[in-house]
Amino acid sequence: MTMFSLMGFPWPWILGISLALAAGCASYLILEQAADLGWRIYGRRGISGRAVETTSISHSHVSPRVKLYAPIAIALPIAAYLAPKSPFLAAWFVLLGLALNRYVTWRSTRASLGNVSKELEKLVTVLHSSYLVRPVVAPALEEAAQNVQGTLREIVDRALRAIWIGESPKAAYSTLGKALNNPYLGQLGLILERAEECDPGTVGLALKELSARLQRRRRLQVKVKASVSMLSGTVRFLQGANAVAVGVVLATPQLMDFYLAGLSRQMMFAMALAAVLGTSLYFDQQLSSLKERAL
């Protein structure tokens, strides 16, 4: 069998990797400059706070759904394209798409838990102010709940409904603190659970200290995100370069013929895909864990 050669390159994968790196670098620079230009234009337009809020809410509803189904939407057409030539690689792309879908789902769950901490800071701040005016937990918590949204709002409303129908406030606040795996929500539940047994001044001081801890946590997270932003950009760049490399192989008939020539080469291509994807997701998960440790 005569090995394919292009422009003096005896190994097709050398050409594929070179093209992938070149395309990846160009794409990264173009996107970086476009994002910087867009941000400058956006900052000069002076968009109202209401418009920004509406855009943010719309993005929060659309983006997770798109990210969730994107791996499957990409993997299935590739699998359909490869199925007549290599059922093995077609099935492998479907498995990788499912694995990436599970990872994106897990990341979305972790991101939603991070949003709970942001809403919790607003809840505790308003709760402290309301409690100082009227030192009764349930009405103060009900007023504070009106300033938050999402999962935290649902949990607080559930606890308040339990209290209004006659359930023990201690049991309701205990359930509130254990509703999510969030240490600060657990502290809030413990404070509210013991509020009726303590002096209002002590409860107010505890809420004030919890609010201060949440504010310190937010500032620390901002610093951590700024510190790892370069690493995050590098990981995203490598992910894009890998995607371009796969696209080059799939779009070049000569390269496809090389990797589909035998089962051993198909397995080599499949293992390379799995190794690249696994390494990329590992570094992405490590960066995410580093950000979450800033408690």
Protein backbone atom coordinates (compact mmCIF):
# COMPACT_ATOMS: atom_id res chain seq x y z
CA MET A 1 0.00 0.00 0.00
CA THR A 2 1.41 3.37 -1.05
CA MET A 3 1.38 5.91 1.77
CA PHE A 4 -0.27 9.19 0.97
CA SER A 5 2.04 12.20 0.66
CA LEU A 6 1.30 15.90 0.39
CA MET A 7 3.85 18.62 -0.30
CA GLY A 8 6.69 16.33 0.72
CA PHE A 9 5.12 15.27 4.02
CA PRO A 10 5.38 11.48 4.37
CA TRP A 11 3.01 11.43 7.37
CA PRO A 12 -0.51 12.79 6.88
CA TRP A 13 -1.00 13.46 10.59
CA ILE A 14 1.87 15.97 10.54
CA LEU A 15 -0.02 18.06 8.01
CA GLY A 16 -3.26 17.67 10.00
CA ILE A 17 -1.68 18.82 13.25
CA SER A 18 0.04 21.77 11.56
CA LEU A 19 -3.20 22.91 9.96
CA ALA A 20 -5.05 22.47 13.25
CA LEU A 21 -2.54 24.59 15.18
CA ALA A 22 -2.53 27.30 12.52
CA ALA A 23 -6.30 27.43 12.30
CA GLY A 24 -6.62 27.31 16.09
CA CYS A 25 -4.21 30.20 16.61
CA ALA A 26 -5.90 32.29 13.94
CA SER A 27 -9.37 31.57 15.35
CA TYR A 28 -8.25 32.39 18.88
CA LEU A 29 -6.74 35.73 17.86
CA ILE A 30 -9.75 36.68 15.73
CA LEU A 31 -12.23 35.81 18.46
CA GLU A 32 -10.17 37.61 21.10
CA GLN A 33 -10.03 40.80 19.05
CA ALA A 34 -13.72 40.54 18.15
CA ALA A 35 -14.69 40.09 21.81
CA ASP A 36 -12.54 43.06 22.84
CA LEU A 37 -14.07 45.24 20.12
CA GLY A 38 -17.59 44.13 21.03
CA TRP A 39 -17.01 44.92 24.68
CA ARG A 40 -15.75 48.41 23.84
CA ILE A 41 -18.77 49.11 21.64
CA TYR A 42 -21.07 47.69 24.29
CA GLY A 43 -19.53 49.89 26.98
CA ARG A 44 -19.93 53.05 24.90
CA ARG A 45 -23.56 52.50 24.09
CA GLY A 46 -24.61 53.19 27.66
CA ILE A 47 -27.25 50.49 27.75
CA SER A 48 -29.67 50.91 30.62
CA GLY A 49 -29.51 48.62 33.62
CA ARG A 50 -32.92 47.21 32.74
CA ALA A 51 -31.75 46.17 29.29
CA VAL A 52 -28.65 44.55 30.72
CA GLU A 53 -30.75 42.67 33.24
CA THR A 54 -33.16 41.47 30.52
CA THR A 55 -30.28 40.31 28.35
CA SER A 56 -28.71 38.47 31.28
CA ILE A 57 -31.95 36.70 32.14
CA SER A 58 -32.53 35.70 28.52
CA HIS A 59 -28.99 34.37 28.27
CA SER A 60 -29.38 32.36 31.47
CA HIS A 61 -32.40 30.56 29.99
CA VAL A 62 -31.00 29.92 26.50
CA SER A 63 -27.31 29.26 27.05
CA PRO A 64 -27.52 26.19 29.35
CA ARG A 65 -29.95 24.45 27.00
CA VAL A 66 -27.74 25.11 23.98
CA LYS A 67 -24.65 23.89 25.83
CA LEU A 68 -26.48 20.79 27.03
CA TYR A 69 -27.54 19.54 23.60
CA ALA A 70 -24.59 20.84 21.56
CA PRO A 71 -22.38 17.72 22.05
CA ILE A 72 -25.15 15.38 20.83
CA ALA A 73 -26.08 17.74 17.99
CA ILE A 74 -22.46 17.71 16.80
CA ALA A 75 -21.75 14.01 17.39
CA LEU A 76 -24.80 12.61 15.56
CA PRO A 77 -24.10 14.21 12.14
CA ILE A 78 -20.46 13.13 12.35
CA ALA A 79 -21.56 9.60 13.25
CA ALA A 80 -24.00 9.56 10.32
CA TYR A 81 -21.20 10.71 8.01
CA LEU A 82 -18.81 8.01 9.25
CA ALA A 83 -21.32 5.16 9.56
CA PRO A 84 -21.02 3.87 5.93
CA LYS A 85 -17.22 3.95 6.11
CA SER A 86 -16.56 2.97 9.73
CA PRO A 87 -19.39 1.87 12.05
CA PHE A 88 -16.81 1.59 14.82
CA LEU A 89 -15.81 5.28 14.65
CA ALA A 90 -19.44 6.31 14.23
CA ALA A 91 -20.39 4.52 17.45
CA TRP A 92 -17.31 5.99 19.14
CA PHE A 93 -18.33 9.55 18.28
CA VAL A 94 -21.80 8.89 19.70
CA LEU A 95 -20.26 7.60 22.95
CA LEU A 96 -17.98 10.63 23.19
CA GLY A 97 -20.94 12.91 22.56
CA LEU A 98 -22.92 11.24 25.35
CA ALA A 99 -19.96 11.48 27.72
CA LEU A 100 -19.49 15.17 26.93
CA ASN A 101 -23.23 15.72 27.40
CA ARG A 102 -23.02 14.20 30.88
CA TYR A 103 -20.06 16.43 31.72
CA VAL A 104 -21.85 19.57 30.53
CA THR A 105 -24.89 18.58 32.60
CA TRP A 106 -22.67 18.18 35.66
CA ARG A 107 -21.03 21.55 35.04
CA SER A 108 -24.44 23.20 34.70
CA THR A 109 -25.46 21.74 38.04
CA ARG A 110 -22.29 23.06 39.69
CA ALA A 111 -22.87 26.47 38.10
CA SER A 112 -26.42 26.58 39.47
CA LEU A 113 -25.06 25.85 42.95
CA GLY A 114 -22.63 28.74 42.52
CA ASN A 115 -25.53 31.03 41.62
CA VAL A 116 -27.24 29.99 44.87
CA SER A 117 -24.33 31.47 46.83
CA LYS A 118 -24.74 34.79 45.03
CA GLU A 119 -28.45 34.89 45.77
CA LEU A 120 -27.78 33.80 49.35
CA GLU A 121 -25.66 36.87 49.95
CA LYS A 122 -28.57 39.11 48.93
CA LEU A 123 -30.97 37.08 51.06
CA VAL A 124 -28.86 37.32 54.21
CA THR A 125 -28.19 41.04 53.72
CA VAL A 126 -31.89 41.90 53.38
CA LEU A 127 -32.84 39.44 56.12
CA HIS A 128 -30.44 41.14 58.54
CA SER A 129 -31.88 44.57 57.76
CA SER A 130 -35.47 43.37 58.06
CA TYR A 131 -34.79 41.51 61.29
CA LEU A 132 -33.32 44.63 62.90
CA VAL A 133 -36.56 46.49 62.16
CA ARG A 134 -38.86 43.66 63.23
CA PRO A 135 -37.09 40.86 65.15
CA VAL A 136 -39.43 38.06 64.01
CA VAL A 137 -37.81 35.47 61.76
CA ALA A 138 -40.63 34.32 59.46
CA PRO A 139 -41.87 37.78 58.34
CA ALA A 140 -38.28 39.00 57.92
CA LEU A 141 -37.42 35.91 55.87
CA GLU A 142 -40.52 36.37 53.72
CA GLU A 143 -39.53 39.96 52.96
CA ALA A 144 -35.96 38.95 52.17
CA ALA A 145 -37.11 36.14 49.86
CA GLN A 146 -38.70 38.71 47.55
CA ASN A 147 -35.22 39.93 46.62
CA VAL A 148 -33.87 36.57 45.39
CA GLN A 149 -34.79 34.20 42.60
CA GLY A 150 -34.05 30.76 41.23
CA THR A 151 -33.50 27.65 43.32
CA LEU A 152 -32.93 29.54 46.56
CA ARG A 153 -36.27 31.35 46.22
CA GLU A 154 -38.06 28.02 45.79
CA ILE A 155 -36.39 26.54 48.86
CA VAL A 156 -37.19 29.54 51.06
CA ASP A 157 -40.80 29.65 49.85
CA ARG A 158 -41.16 25.96 50.63
CA ALA A 159 -39.91 26.52 54.19
CA LEU A 160 -42.26 29.48 54.68
CA ARG A 161 -45.25 27.52 53.40
CA ALA A 162 -44.47 24.78 55.89
CA ILE A 163 -44.45 27.34 58.71
CA TRP A 164 -47.69 29.00 57.60
CA ILE A 165 -49.57 25.66 57.57
CA GLY A 166 -48.52 24.92 61.15
CA GLU A 167 -45.27 22.96 60.91
CA SER A 168 -42.61 23.53 63.55
CA PRO A 169 -40.41 26.52 62.59
CA LYS A 170 -37.33 24.66 63.85
CA ALA A 171 -38.04 21.73 61.55
CA ALA A 172 -38.69 24.05 58.60
CA TYR A 173 -35.47 26.02 59.14
CA SER A 174 -33.50 22.82 59.64
CA THR A 175 -34.83 21.51 56.31
CA LEU A 176 -33.93 24.83 54.71
CA GLY A 177 -30.33 24.57 55.87
CA LYS A 178 -30.00 21.02 54.55
CA ALA A 179 -31.76 21.60 51.23
CA LEU A 180 -28.52 22.12 49.31
CA ASN A 181 -24.92 21.11 49.84
CA ASN A 182 -23.99 24.70 50.68
CA PRO A 183 -22.15 25.44 53.94
CA TYR A 184 -23.44 29.01 54.14
CA LEU A 185 -27.04 27.95 53.67
CA GLY A 186 -26.46 25.41 56.44
CA GLN A 187 -25.20 28.20 58.72
CA LEU A 188 -28.25 30.30 57.92
CA GLY A 189 -30.55 27.39 58.71
CA LEU A 190 -28.80 26.87 62.04
CA ILE A 191 -29.12 30.58 62.95
CA LEU A 192 -32.82 30.64 62.10
CA GLU A 193 -33.43 27.34 63.87
CA ARG A 194 -32.08 28.75 67.14
CA ALA A 195 -33.40 32.29 66.72
CA GLU A 196 -36.41 31.80 69.01
CA GLU A 197 -34.14 30.65 71.85
CA CYS A 198 -31.64 33.50 71.55
CA ASP A 199 -31.64 37.21 72.16
CA PRO A 200 -32.58 39.27 69.03
CA GLY A 201 -29.30 41.13 69.32
CA THR A 202 -27.37 37.86 69.17
CA VAL A 203 -29.36 36.71 66.13
CA GLY A 204 -28.79 40.03 64.39
CA LEU A 205 -25.06 39.82 65.08
CA ALA A 206 -24.93 36.27 63.71
CA LEU A 207 -26.70 37.35 60.52
CA LYS A 208 -24.34 40.31 60.16
CA GLU A 209 -21.28 38.05 60.51
CA LEU A 210 -22.70 35.57 57.99
CA SER A 211 -23.30 38.40 55.52
CA ALA A 212 -19.72 39.59 56.01
CA ARG A 213 -18.39 36.07 55.35
CA LEU A 214 -20.41 35.83 52.15
CA GLN A 215 -19.06 39.18 50.98
CA ARG A 216 -15.47 38.09 51.69
CA ARG A 217 -16.12 34.87 49.79
CA ARG A 218 -17.39 36.79 46.76
CA ARG A 219 -14.33 39.06 46.75
CA LEU A 220 -12.04 36.06 47.06
CA GLN A 221 -13.79 34.31 44.18
CA VAL A 222 -13.33 37.39 42.00
CA LYS A 223 -9.58 37.32 42.73
CA VAL A 224 -9.37 33.59 42.03
CA LYS A 225 -11.23 33.94 38.73
CA ALA A 226 -8.87 36.74 37.70
CA SER A 227 -5.87 34.60 38.62
CA VAL A 228 -6.97 31.57 36.61
CA SER A 229 -8.40 33.50 33.64
CA MET A 230 -5.22 32.95 31.63
CA LEU A 231 -5.31 29.22 32.37
CA SER A 232 -8.97 29.09 31.40
CA GLY A 233 -8.19 30.82 28.12
CA THR A 234 -5.39 28.34 27.44
CA VAL A 235 -7.69 25.38 28.08
CA ARG A 236 -10.35 26.85 25.78
CA PHE A 237 -7.72 27.45 23.10
CA LEU A 238 -6.50 23.85 23.30
CA GLN A 239 -10.07 22.59 23.11
CA GLY A 240 -10.64 24.69 19.99
CA ALA A 241 -7.38 23.50 18.41
CA ASN A 242 -8.34 19.88 19.06
CA ALA A 243 -11.76 20.43 17.52
CA VAL A 244 -10.15 22.02 14.46
CA ALA A 245 -7.75 19.06 14.17
CA VAL A 246 -10.66 16.62 14.14
CA GLY A 247 -12.47 18.79 11.59
CA VAL A 248 -9.39 18.83 9.34
CA VAL A 249 -9.17 15.04 9.44
CA LEU A 250 -12.87 14.60 8.69
CA ALA A 251 -12.84 17.20 5.88
CA THR A 252 -9.72 15.87 4.12
CA PRO A 253 -10.43 12.71 2.08
CA GLN A 254 -6.78 11.64 2.01
CA LEU A 255 -6.47 11.87 5.79
CA MET A 256 -9.76 10.01 6.23
CA ASP A 257 -8.55 7.25 3.92
CA PHE A 258 -5.39 6.94 5.98
CA TYR A 259 -7.23 6.56 9.30
CA LEU A 260 -9.94 4.31 7.86
CA ALA A 261 -7.49 1.99 6.09
CA GLY A 262 -7.69 -0.62 8.85
CA LEU A 263 -9.18 -1.38 12.22
CA SER A 264 -5.87 -0.70 13.96
CA ARG A 265 -5.73 2.84 12.55
CA GLN A 266 -9.38 3.41 13.44
CA MET A 267 -8.67 2.33 17.00
CA MET A 268 -5.62 4.61 17.10
CA PHE A 269 -7.77 7.55 15.96
CA ALA A 270 -10.47 6.64 18.50
CA MET A 271 -7.99 6.38 21.37
CA ALA A 272 -6.42 9.69 20.37
CA LEU A 273 -9.85 11.34 20.42
CA ALA A 274 -10.63 9.88 23.84
CA ALA A 275 -7.23 10.91 25.25
CA VAL A 276 -7.52 14.47 23.95
CA LEU A 277 -11.10 14.87 25.18
CA GLY A 278 -10.32 13.29 28.56
CA THR A 279 -7.27 15.50 29.11
CA SER A 280 -9.18 18.62 28.13
CA LEU A 281 -12.08 17.85 30.46
CA TYR A 282 -9.69 16.96 33.29
CA PHE A 283 -7.98 20.37 33.16
CA ASP A 284 -11.36 22.08 32.80
CA GLN A 285 -12.64 20.24 35.88
CA GLN A 286 -9.51 21.12 37.86
CA LEU A 287 -9.94 24.82 37.05
CA SER A 288 -13.60 24.63 38.06
CA SER A 289 -12.69 22.94 41.35
CA LEU A 290 -10.05 25.59 42.03
CA LYS A 291 -12.67 28.31 41.68
CA GLU A 292 -15.15 26.44 43.91
CA ARG A 293 -12.58 26.05 46.70
CA ALA A 294 -12.59 29.82 47.23
CA LEU A 295 -15.10 29.56 50.09
